[in-house]
PDB file of N, CA and C in Angstrom:
ATOM      1  N   UNK A   1       9.316   0.824  21.261  1.00  0.00           N
ATOM      2  CA  UNK A   1       9.997   1.561  20.192  1.00  0.00           C
ATOM      3  C   UNK A   1       9.684   0.942  18.985  1.00  0.00           C
ATOM      4  N   UNK A   2       9.419  -0.618  18.825  1.00  0.00           N
ATOM      5  CA  UNK A   2       8.912  -1.104  17.824  1.00  0.00           C
ATOM      6  C   UNK A   2       7.391  -0.737  17.078  1.00  0.00           C
ATOM      7  N   UNK A   3       6.778  -0.638  18.235  1.00  0.00           N
ATOM      8  CA  UNK A   3       5.445  -0.242  18.182  1.00  0.00           C
ATOM      9  C   UNK A   3       5.528   1.233  17.765  1.00  0.00           C
ATOM     10  N   UNK A   4       6.111   1.899  18.136  1.00  0.00           N
ATOM     11  CA  UNK A   4       6.203   3.561  17.735  1.00  0.00           C
ATOM     12  C   UNK A   4       6.448   3.661  15.881  1.00  0.00           C
ATOM     13  N   UNK A   5       7.540   2.795  15.518  1.00  0.00           N
ATOM     14  CA  UNK A   5       7.858   2.985  14.598  1.00  0.00           C
ATOM     15  C   UNK A   5       6.997   2.189  13.414  1.00  0.00           C
ATOM     16  N   UNK A   6       6.197   1.026  13.683  1.00  0.00           N
ATOM     17  CA  UNK A   6       5.639   0.881  13.016  1.00  0.00           C
ATOM     18  C   UNK A   6       4.529   0.960  12.582  1.00  0.00           C
ATOM     19  N   UNK A   7       3.980   2.205  14.047  1.00  0.00           N
ATOM     20  CA  UNK A   7       2.337   2.852  13.973  1.00  0.00           C
ATOM     21  C   UNK A   7       3.138   4.119  13.028  1.00  0.00           C
ATOM     22  N   UNK A   8       3.891   4.351  13.079  1.00  0.00           N
ATOM     23  CA  UNK A   8       4.575   5.638  12.070  1.00  0.00           C
ATOM     24  C   UNK A   8       4.614   5.067  10.375  1.00  0.00           C
ATOM     25  N   UNK A   9       5.099   4.409  10.347  1.00  0.00           N
ATOM     26  CA  UNK A   9       5.695   4.026   8.975  1.00  0.00           C
ATOM     27  C   UNK A   9       4.433   2.909   8.334  1.00  0.00           C
ATOM     28  N   UNK A  10       3.596   2.313   8.737  1.00  0.00           N
ATOM     29  CA  UNK A  10       2.437   1.236   8.464  1.00  0.00           C
ATOM     30  C   UNK A  10       1.259   2.230   8.137  1.00  0.00           C
ATOM     31  N   UNK A  11       0.438   1.929   7.106  1.00  0.00           N
ATOM     32  CA  UNK A  11      -0.663   2.606   7.185  1.00  0.00           C
ATOM     33  C   UNK A  11      -1.831   2.570   8.120  1.00  0.00           C
ATOM     34  N   UNK A  12      -2.315   3.341   8.492  1.00  0.00           N
ATOM     35  CA  UNK A  12      -3.105   3.311   9.971  1.00  0.00           C
ATOM     36  C   UNK A  12      -4.650   3.881   9.888  1.00  0.00           C
ATOM     37  N   UNK A  13      -5.465   3.495  10.914  1.00  0.00           N
ATOM     38  CA  UNK A  13      -6.877   3.818  10.551  1.00  0.00           C
ATOM     39  C   UNK A  13      -7.019   4.975  11.605  1.00  0.00           C
ATOM     40  N   UNK A  14      -8.426   4.929  12.301  1.00  0.00           N
ATOM     41  CA  UNK A  14      -8.495   5.968  13.330  1.00  0.00           C
ATOM     42  C   UNK A  14      -7.631   6.471  14.481  1.00  0.00           C
ATOM     43  N   UNK A  15      -7.667   5.174  14.776  1.00  0.00           N
ATOM     44  CA  UNK A  15      -6.887   4.890  15.800  1.00  0.00           C
ATOM     45  C   UNK A  15      -5.390   5.773  16.179  1.00  0.00           C
ATOM     46  N   UNK A  16      -4.856   5.865  14.895  1.00  0.00           N
ATOM     47  CA  UNK A  16      -3.105   6.346  15.419  1.00  0.00           C
ATOM     48  C   UNK A  16      -3.233   7.639  15.908  1.00  0.00           C
ATOM     49  N   UNK A  17      -3.951   8.709  16.146  1.00  0.00           N
ATOM     50  CA  UNK A  17      -3.189   9.717  16.867  1.00  0.00           C
ATOM     51  C   UNK A  17      -3.433   9.266  18.470  1.00  0.00           C
ATOM     52  N   UNK A  18      -4.248   8.465  18.880  1.00  0.00           N
ATOM     53  CA  UNK A  18      -4.474   7.883  20.153  1.00  0.00           C
ATOM     54  C   UNK A  18      -3.097   6.796  20.276  1.00  0.00           C
ATOM     55  N   UNK A  19      -2.691   6.079  19.191  1.00  0.00           N
ATOM     56  CA  UNK A  19      -1.124   5.179  19.454  1.00  0.00           C
ATOM     57  C   UNK A  19      -0.274   6.155  19.670  1.00  0.00           C
ATOM     58  N   UNK A  20      -0.287   7.055  18.613  1.00  0.00           N
ATOM     59  CA  UNK A  20       1.024   8.028  18.645  1.00  0.00           C
ATOM     60  C   UNK A  20       1.095   8.975  19.533  1.00  0.00           C
ATOM     61  N   UNK A  21       0.278   9.462  20.553  1.00  0.00           N
ATOM     62  CA  UNK A  21      -0.029   9.879  21.549  1.00  0.00           C
ATOM     63  C   UNK A  21       0.728   9.488  22.915  1.00  0.00           C
ATOM     64  N   UNK A  22       0.703   8.055  22.879  1.00  0.00           N
ATOM     65  CA  UNK A  22       1.493   7.537  24.182  1.00  0.00           C
ATOM     66  C   UNK A  22       2.800   7.817  23.726  1.00  0.00           C
ATOM     67  N   UNK A  23       3.484   8.101  22.963  1.00  0.00           N
ATOM     68  CA  UNK A  23       4.929   8.604  22.613  1.00  0.00           C
ATOM     69  C   UNK A  23       4.797   9.930  22.308  1.00  0.00           C
ATOM     70  N   UNK A  24       4.147  10.793  21.733  1.00  0.00           N
ATOM     71  CA  UNK A  24       4.512  12.244  21.743  1.00  0.00           C
ATOM     72  C   UNK A  24       3.306  13.434  21.843  1.00  0.00           C
ATOM     73  N   UNK A  25       3.697  14.480  22.574  1.00  0.00           N
ATOM     74  CA  UNK A  25       2.818  14.886  22.654  1.00  0.00           C
ATOM     75  C   UNK A  25       2.024  16.133  21.770  1.00  0.00           C
ATOM     76  N   UNK A  26       0.892  15.562  21.482  1.00  0.00           N
ATOM     77  CA  UNK A  26       0.380  16.435  19.989  1.00  0.00           C
ATOM     78  C   UNK A  26      -0.238  17.325  20.200  1.00  0.00           C
ATOM     79  N   UNK A  27      -0.261  18.146  21.449  1.00  0.00           N
ATOM     80  CA  UNK A  27      -0.619  19.441  21.685  1.00  0.00           C
ATOM     81  C   UNK A  27       0.378  20.469  21.000  1.00  0.00           C
ATOM     82  N   UNK A  28       1.683  20.068  20.719  1.00  0.00           N
ATOM     83  CA  UNK A  28       2.054  21.356  19.956  1.00  0.00           C
ATOM     84  C   UNK A  28       1.626  21.127  18.560  1.00  0.00           C
ATOM     85  N   UNK A  29       1.475  22.249  17.742  1.00  0.00           N
ATOM     86  CA  UNK A  29       0.955  21.971  16.756  1.00  0.00           C
ATOM     87  C   UNK A  29       2.009  21.775  15.500  1.00  0.00           C
ATOM     88  N   UNK A  30       3.286  22.310  15.951  1.00  0.00           N
ATOM     89  CA  UNK A  30       4.396  21.911  15.132  1.00  0.00           C
ATOM     90  C   UNK A  30       4.730  20.140  14.882  1.00  0.00           C
ATOM     91  N   UNK A  31       4.529  19.960  16.316  1.00  0.00           N
ATOM     92  CA  UNK A  31       5.016  18.157  16.046  1.00  0.00           C
ATOM     93  C   UNK A  31       3.760  17.783  15.513  1.00  0.00           C
ATOM     94  N   UNK A  32       2.297  18.263  15.730  1.00  0.00           N
ATOM     95  CA  UNK A  32       1.050  17.873  15.025  1.00  0.00           C
ATOM     96  C   UNK A  32       1.083  17.343  13.627  1.00  0.00           C
ATOM     97  N   UNK A  33       1.735  18.431  13.242  1.00  0.00           N
ATOM     98  CA  UNK A  33       1.976  18.676  11.702  1.00  0.00           C
ATOM     99  C   UNK A  33       2.477  17.628  11.026  1.00  0.00           C
ATOM    100  N   UNK A  34       4.114  17.622  12.285  1.00  0.00           N
ATOM    101  CA  UNK A  34       4.872  16.324  11.513  1.00  0.00           C
ATOM    102  C   UNK A  34       4.095  14.973  11.427  1.00  0.00           C
ATOM    103  N   UNK A  35       3.476  14.842  12.436  1.00  0.00           N
ATOM    104  CA  UNK A  35       2.997  13.348  12.909  1.00  0.00           C
ATOM    105  C   UNK A  35       2.165  13.182  11.400  1.00  0.00           C
ATOM    106  N   UNK A  36       1.486  14.464  10.785  1.00  0.00           N
ATOM    107  CA  UNK A  36       0.374  13.783   9.999  1.00  0.00           C
ATOM    108  C   UNK A  36       1.294  13.910   8.289  1.00  0.00           C
ATOM    109  N   UNK A  37       2.571  14.609   8.406  1.00  0.00           N
ATOM    110  CA  UNK A  37       3.800  14.365   7.360  1.00  0.00           C
ATOM    111  C   UNK A  37       4.473  12.784   7.286  1.00  0.00           C
ATOM    112  N   UNK A  38       4.521  12.683   8.335  1.00  0.00           N
ATOM    113  CA  UNK A  38       5.167  11.288   8.703  1.00  0.00           C
ATOM    114  C   UNK A  38       4.100   9.965   8.360  1.00  0.00           C
ATOM    115  N   UNK A  39       2.752  10.454   8.718  1.00  0.00           N
ATOM    116  CA  UNK A  39       1.695   9.187   8.361  1.00  0.00           C
ATOM    117  C   UNK A  39       1.972   9.461   7.378  1.00  0.00           C
ATOM    118  N   UNK A  40       1.755  10.198   6.205  1.00  0.00           N
ATOM    119  CA  UNK A  40       1.527  10.536   4.823  1.00  0.00           C
ATOM    120  C   UNK A  40       2.825   9.781   4.538  1.00  0.00           C
ATOM    121  N   UNK A  41       3.953  10.050   4.620  1.00  0.00           N
ATOM    122  CA  UNK A  41       5.272   9.724   3.892  1.00  0.00           C
ATOM    123  C   UNK A  41       5.301   7.693   4.203  1.00  0.00           C
ATOM    124  N   UNK A  42       4.567   7.322   5.388  1.00  0.00           N
ATOM    125  CA  UNK A  42       5.012   5.738   5.505  1.00  0.00           C
ATOM    126  C   UNK A  42       4.003   5.351   4.358  1.00  0.00           C
ATOM    127  N   UNK A  43       2.829   5.516   4.251  1.00  0.00           N
ATOM    128  CA  UNK A  43       1.746   5.208   3.734  1.00  0.00           C
ATOM    129  C   UNK A  43       2.028   5.516   2.339  1.00  0.00           C
ATOM    130  N   UNK A  44       2.702   6.115   2.016  1.00  0.00           N
ATOM    131  CA  UNK A  44       3.521   6.280   0.511  1.00  0.00           C
ATOM    132  C   UNK A  44       4.199   5.299   0.261  1.00  0.00           C
ATOM    133  N   UNK A  45       5.175   5.480   0.798  1.00  0.00           N
ATOM    134  CA  UNK A  45       5.981   4.069   1.016  1.00  0.00           C
ATOM    135  C   UNK A  45       5.697   2.845   0.802  1.00  0.00           C
ATOM    136  N   UNK A  46       4.480   2.394   1.688  1.00  0.00           N
ATOM    137  CA  UNK A  46       3.977   1.454   1.461  1.00  0.00           C
ATOM    138  C   UNK A  46       3.359   0.930   0.281  1.00  0.00           C
ATOM    139  N   UNK A  47       2.515   2.028  -0.496  1.00  0.00           N
ATOM    140  CA  UNK A  47       1.977   1.781  -1.523  1.00  0.00           C
ATOM    141  C   UNK A  47       3.000   1.834  -2.735  1.00  0.00           C
ATOM    142  N   UNK A  48       3.592   2.091  -2.490  1.00  0.00           N
ATOM    143  CA  UNK A  48       4.458   2.504  -3.435  1.00  0.00           C
ATOM    144  C   UNK A  48       5.322   0.720  -3.684  1.00  0.00           C
ATOM    145  N   UNK A  49       5.531   0.229  -2.340  1.00  0.00           N
ATOM    146  CA  UNK A  49       6.007  -0.864  -2.592  1.00  0.00           C
ATOM    147  C   UNK A  49       5.130  -1.951  -2.900  1.00  0.00           C
ATOM    148  N   UNK A  50       3.897  -1.904  -2.574  1.00  0.00           N
ATOM    149  CA  UNK A  50       2.354  -2.388  -2.870  1.00  0.00           C
ATOM    150  C   UNK A  50       2.314  -2.568  -4.792  1.00  0.00           C
ATOM    151  N   UNK A  51       2.381  -1.406  -5.190  1.00  0.00           N
ATOM    152  CA  UNK A  51       2.534  -1.356  -6.761  1.00  0.00           C
ATOM    153  C   UNK A  51       3.749  -2.353  -6.959  1.00  0.00           C
ATOM    154  N   UNK A  52       4.784  -2.075  -6.638  1.00  0.00           N
ATOM    155  CA  UNK A  52       5.682  -3.091  -6.940  1.00  0.00           C
ATOM    156  C   UNK A  52       5.500  -4.320  -7.227  1.00  0.00           C
ATOM    157  N   UNK A  53       4.786  -4.462  -6.263  1.00  0.00           N
ATOM    158  CA  UNK A  53       4.447  -5.781  -5.891  1.00  0.00           C
ATOM    159  C   UNK A  53       3.393  -6.181  -7.267  1.00  0.00           C
ATOM    160  N   UNK A  54       2.482  -5.891  -7.451  1.00  0.00           N
ATOM    161  CA  UNK A  54       1.741  -6.471  -8.153  1.00  0.00           C
ATOM    162  C   UNK A  54       2.025  -6.174  -9.436  1.00  0.00           C
ATOM    163  N   UNK A  55       2.997  -5.046  -9.757  1.00  0.00           N
ATOM    164  CA  UNK A  55       3.831  -5.377 -11.450  1.00  0.00           C
ATOM    165  C   UNK A  55       4.676  -6.883 -11.233  1.00  0.00           C
ATOM    166  N   UNK A  56       5.398  -7.087 -10.492  1.00  0.00           N
ATOM    167  CA  UNK A  56       5.983  -8.140 -10.697  1.00  0.00           C
ATOM    168  C   UNK A  56       4.985  -9.292 -10.602  1.00  0.00           C
ATOM    169  N   UNK A  57       3.831  -9.449  -9.766  1.00  0.00           N
ATOM    170  CA  UNK A  57       2.864 -10.220  -9.845  1.00  0.00           C
ATOM    171  C   UNK A  57       2.241 -10.756 -11.532  1.00  0.00           C
ATOM    172  N   UNK A  58       2.547  -9.478 -11.990  1.00  0.00           N
ATOM    173  CA  UNK A  58       1.435  -9.726 -13.074  1.00  0.00           C
ATOM    174  C   UNK A  58       2.062 -10.029 -13.900  1.00  0.00           C
ATOM    175  N   UNK A  59       3.709  -9.368 -13.971  1.00  0.00           N
ATOM    176  CA  UNK A  59       4.398  -9.671 -15.183  1.00  0.00           C
ATOM    177  C   UNK A  59       4.984 -11.381 -15.141  1.00  0.00           C
ATOM    178  N   UNK A  60       4.854 -11.897 -13.775  1.00  0.00           N
ATOM    179  CA  UNK A  60       5.554 -13.122 -13.617  1.00  0.00           C
ATOM    180  C   UNK A  60       4.389 -13.819 -13.829  1.00  0.00           C
ATOM    181  N   UNK A  61       3.288 -13.671 -13.824  1.00  0.00           N
ATOM    182  CA  UNK A  61       2.102 -14.714 -14.308  1.00  0.00           C
ATOM    183  C   UNK A  61       2.092 -14.374 -15.725  1.00  0.00           C
ATOM    184  N   UNK A  62       2.111 -13.172 -16.302  1.00  0.00           N
ATOM    185  CA  UNK A  62       2.334 -13.363 -17.828  1.00  0.00           C
ATOM    186  C   UNK A  62       3.399 -14.044 -18.754  1.00  0.00           C
ATOM    187  N   UNK A  63       4.591 -14.121 -18.147  1.00  0.00           N
ATOM    188  CA  UNK A  63       5.467 -15.441 -18.280  1.00  0.00           C
ATOM    189  C   UNK A  63       5.110 -16.805 -18.008  1.00  0.00           C
ATOM    190  N   UNK A  64       4.260 -16.946 -17.398  1.00  0.00           N
ATOM    191  CA  UNK A  64       3.609 -18.451 -17.056  1.00  0.00           C
ATOM    192  C   UNK A  64       2.980 -18.715 -17.950  1.00  0.00           C
ATOM    193  N   UNK A  65       2.271 -17.759 -19.147  1.00  0.00           N
ATOM    194  CA  UNK A  65       1.061 -17.940 -19.734  1.00  0.00           C
ATOM    195  C   UNK A  65      -0.102 -17.901 -19.009  1.00  0.00           C
ATOM    196  N   UNK A  66      -0.441 -17.253 -17.941  1.00  0.00           N
ATOM    197  CA  UNK A  66      -1.297 -17.488 -17.153  1.00  0.00           C
ATOM    198  C   UNK A  66      -2.673 -16.691 -17.869  1.00  0.00           C
ATOM    199  N   UNK A  67      -3.719 -17.132 -18.487  1.00  0.00           N
ATOM    200  CA  UNK A  67      -5.009 -16.200 -18.841  1.00  0.00           C
ATOM    201  C   UNK A  67      -5.194 -14.837 -18.080  1.00  0.00           C
ATOM    202  N   UNK A  68      -5.273 -13.717 -18.609  1.00  0.00           N
ATOM    203  CA  UNK A  68      -5.353 -12.453 -18.109  1.00  0.00           C
ATOM    204  C   UNK A  68      -6.954 -12.657 -17.046  1.00  0.00           C
ATOM    205  N   UNK A  69      -8.024 -13.456 -17.369  1.00  0.00           N
ATOM    206  CA  UNK A  69      -8.668 -13.383 -16.402  1.00  0.00           C
ATOM    207  C   UNK A  69      -8.433 -14.105 -14.715  1.00  0.00           C
ATOM    208  N   UNK A  70      -7.626 -14.799 -15.147  1.00  0.00           N
ATOM    209  CA  UNK A  70      -7.104 -15.708 -13.959  1.00  0.00           C
ATOM    210  C   UNK A  70      -6.307 -14.852 -13.432  1.00  0.00           C
ATOM    211  N   UNK A  71      -5.324 -14.018 -13.760  1.00  0.00           N
ATOM    212  CA  UNK A  71      -4.464 -13.239 -13.220  1.00  0.00           C
ATOM    213  C   UNK A  71      -5.067 -11.985 -12.551  1.00  0.00           C
ATOM    214  N   UNK A  72      -6.391 -11.566 -12.885  1.00  0.00           N
ATOM    215  CA  UNK A  72      -7.300 -10.348 -12.786  1.00  0.00           C
ATOM    216  C   UNK A  72      -7.926 -11.501 -11.143  1.00  0.00           C
ATOM    217  N   UNK A  73      -8.542 -12.714 -11.332  1.00  0.00           N
ATOM    218  CA  UNK A  73      -8.981 -13.512 -10.019  1.00  0.00           C
ATOM    219  C   UNK A  73      -7.791 -13.227  -8.726  1.00  0.00           C
ATOM    220  N   UNK A  74      -6.699 -13.780  -9.070  1.00  0.00           N
ATOM    221  CA  UNK A  74      -5.381 -13.598  -8.534  1.00  0.00           C
ATOM    222  C   UNK A  74      -4.919 -12.633  -7.285  1.00  0.00           C
ATOM    223  N   UNK A  75      -5.184 -11.598  -8.790  1.00  0.00           N
ATOM    224  CA  UNK A  75      -4.907 -10.055  -8.020  1.00  0.00           C
ATOM    225  C   UNK A  75      -5.825  -9.998  -6.593  1.00  0.00           C
ATOM    226  N   UNK A  76      -6.975 -10.231  -6.967  1.00  0.00           N
ATOM    227  CA  UNK A  76      -8.160  -9.728  -6.268  1.00  0.00           C
ATOM    228  C   UNK A  76      -8.052 -10.299  -4.813  1.00  0.00           C
ATOM    229  N   UNK A  77      -7.715 -11.348  -4.887  1.00  0.00           N
ATOM    230  CA  UNK A  77      -7.438 -12.130  -3.777  1.00  0.00           C
ATOM    231  C   UNK A  77      -6.132 -12.042  -3.026  1.00  0.00           C
ATOM    232  N   UNK A  78      -5.031 -12.411  -3.664  1.00  0.00           N
ATOM    233  CA  UNK A  78      -3.742 -11.762  -3.174  1.00  0.00           C
ATOM    234  C   UNK A  78      -3.525 -10.606  -2.535  1.00  0.00           C
ATOM    235  N   UNK A  79      -4.214  -9.443  -3.235  1.00  0.00           N
ATOM    236  CA  UNK A  79      -4.225  -8.291  -2.580  1.00  0.00           C
ATOM    237  C   UNK A  79      -5.201  -7.539  -2.301  1.00  0.00           C
ATOM    238  N   UNK A  80      -5.965  -8.159  -2.175  1.00  0.00           N
ATOM    239  CA  UNK A  80      -7.655  -7.428  -1.958  1.00  0.00           C
ATOM    240  C   UNK A  80      -8.185  -6.327  -2.584  1.00  0.00           C
ATOM    241  N   UNK A  81      -7.647  -6.324  -3.720  1.00  0.00           N
ATOM    242  CA  UNK A  81      -8.388  -5.319  -4.826  1.00  0.00           C
ATOM    243  C   UNK A  81      -9.858  -6.004  -5.247  1.00  0.00           C
ATOM    244  N   UNK A  82     -10.533  -4.793  -5.520  1.00  0.00           N
ATOM    245  CA  UNK A  82     -12.096  -4.855  -6.047  1.00  0.00           C
ATOM    246  C   UNK A  82     -11.682  -5.751  -7.868  1.00  0.00           C
ATOM    247  N   UNK A  83     -12.488  -5.957  -8.558  1.00  0.00           N
ATOM    248  CA  UNK A  83     -12.598  -6.136  -9.860  1.00  0.00           C
ATOM    249  C   UNK A  83     -11.914  -5.412 -10.581  1.00  0.00           C
ATOM    250  N   UNK A  84     -12.454  -4.079 -10.346  1.00  0.00           N
ATOM    251  CA  UNK A  84     -11.854  -2.613 -11.506  1.00  0.00           C
ATOM    252  C   UNK A  84     -10.738  -2.276 -10.916  1.00  0.00           C
ATOM    253  N   UNK A  85     -10.173  -2.334  -9.388  1.00  0.00           N
ATOM    254  CA  UNK A  85      -9.002  -2.409  -9.110  1.00  0.00           C
ATOM    255  C   UNK A  85      -7.657  -3.069 -10.026  1.00  0.00           C
ATOM    256  N   UNK A  86      -8.020  -4.380  -9.806  1.00  0.00           N
ATOM    257  CA  UNK A  86      -7.119  -5.733 -10.379  1.00  0.00           C
ATOM    258  C   UNK A  86      -7.377  -5.429 -12.038  1.00  0.00           C
ATOM    259  N   UNK A  87      -8.349  -4.991 -12.506  1.00  0.00           N
ATOM    260  CA  UNK A  87      -8.139  -4.454 -13.918  1.00  0.00           C
ATOM    261  C   UNK A  87      -7.478  -3.832 -14.351  1.00  0.00           C
ATOM    262  N   UNK A  88      -7.644  -2.324 -13.762  1.00  0.00           N
ATOM    263  CA  UNK A  88      -6.724  -1.428 -14.208  1.00  0.00           C
ATOM    264  C   UNK A  88      -5.173  -1.509 -13.540  1.00  0.00           C
ATOM    265  N   UNK A  89      -4.917  -2.809 -12.419  1.00  0.00           N
ATOM    266  CA  UNK A  89      -3.489  -2.539 -12.625  1.00  0.00           C
ATOM    267  C   UNK A  89      -2.848  -3.640 -14.045  1.00  0.00           C
ATOM    268  N   UNK A  90      -3.482  -4.580 -14.471  1.00  0.00           N
ATOM    269  CA  UNK A  90      -3.614  -5.377 -15.120  1.00  0.00           C
ATOM    270  C   UNK A  90      -3.239  -4.754 -16.486  1.00  0.00           C
ATOM    271  N   UNK A  91      -4.277  -3.656 -16.586  1.00  0.00           N
ATOM    272  CA  UNK A  91      -4.200  -3.162 -17.955  1.00  0.00           C
ATOM    273  C   UNK A  91      -2.737  -2.123 -17.905  1.00  0.00           C
ATOM    274  N   UNK A  92      -2.551  -1.456 -16.678  1.00  0.00           N
ATOM    275  CA  UNK A  92      -1.367  -0.386 -16.766  1.00  0.00           C
ATOM    276  C   UNK A  92      -0.318  -1.378 -16.652  1.00  0.00           C
ATOM    277  N   UNK A  93      -0.078  -2.785 -16.406  1.00  0.00           N
ATOM    278  CA  UNK A  93       1.470  -3.409 -16.228  1.00  0.00           C
ATOM    279  C   UNK A  93       1.717  -4.306 -17.540  1.00  0.00           C
ATOM    280  N   UNK A  94       0.286  -4.610 -18.114  1.00  0.00           N
ATOM    281  CA  UNK A  94       0.440  -5.837 -18.669  1.00  0.00           C
ATOM    282  C   UNK A  94       0.866  -5.263 -20.265  1.00  0.00           C
ATOM    283  N   UNK A  95      -0.034  -4.021 -20.657  1.00  0.00           N
ATOM    284  CA  UNK A  95       0.290  -3.289 -21.643  1.00  0.00           C
ATOM    285  C   UNK A  95       1.844  -2.986 -21.855  1.00  0.00           C
ATOM    286  N   UNK A  96       2.811  -2.807 -20.982  1.00  0.00           N
ATOM    287  CA  UNK A  96       4.027  -2.544 -20.870  1.00  0.00           C
ATOM    288  C   UNK A  96       4.704  -3.297 -21.485  1.00  0.00           C
ATOM    289  N   UNK A  97       4.211  -4.890 -21.437  1.00  0.00           N
ATOM    290  CA  UNK A  97       4.655  -6.371 -22.361  1.00  0.00           C
ATOM    291  C   UNK A  97       4.100  -6.395 -23.813  1.00  0.00           C
ATOM    292  N   UNK A  98       2.989  -6.016 -23.817  1.00  0.00           N
ATOM    293  CA  UNK A  98       2.477  -6.402 -25.091  1.00  0.00           C
ATOM    294  C   UNK A  98       2.405  -5.535 -25.724  1.00  0.00           C
TER     295      UNK A  98
END
């Protein structure tokens, strides 16, 4: 049961349908559509939580007077972001403070 829930609610790769097929008959088109919708829901919940974590991380570092470039480096390492992604998040959330 836990594997089933974990498979549905966390972002998944190419093996998603194979994993979920152990629990659900995907031959039914209605079930197949529902699986697609649920996998999208799980991923969107995950991404929203990650964005909230990134925002809190940036704001906390700004409170501690950590320099912009250091925050961007830390974002890349801790959240596995590219430099461009880290800079975009920094601009998005730091500008609300400045």
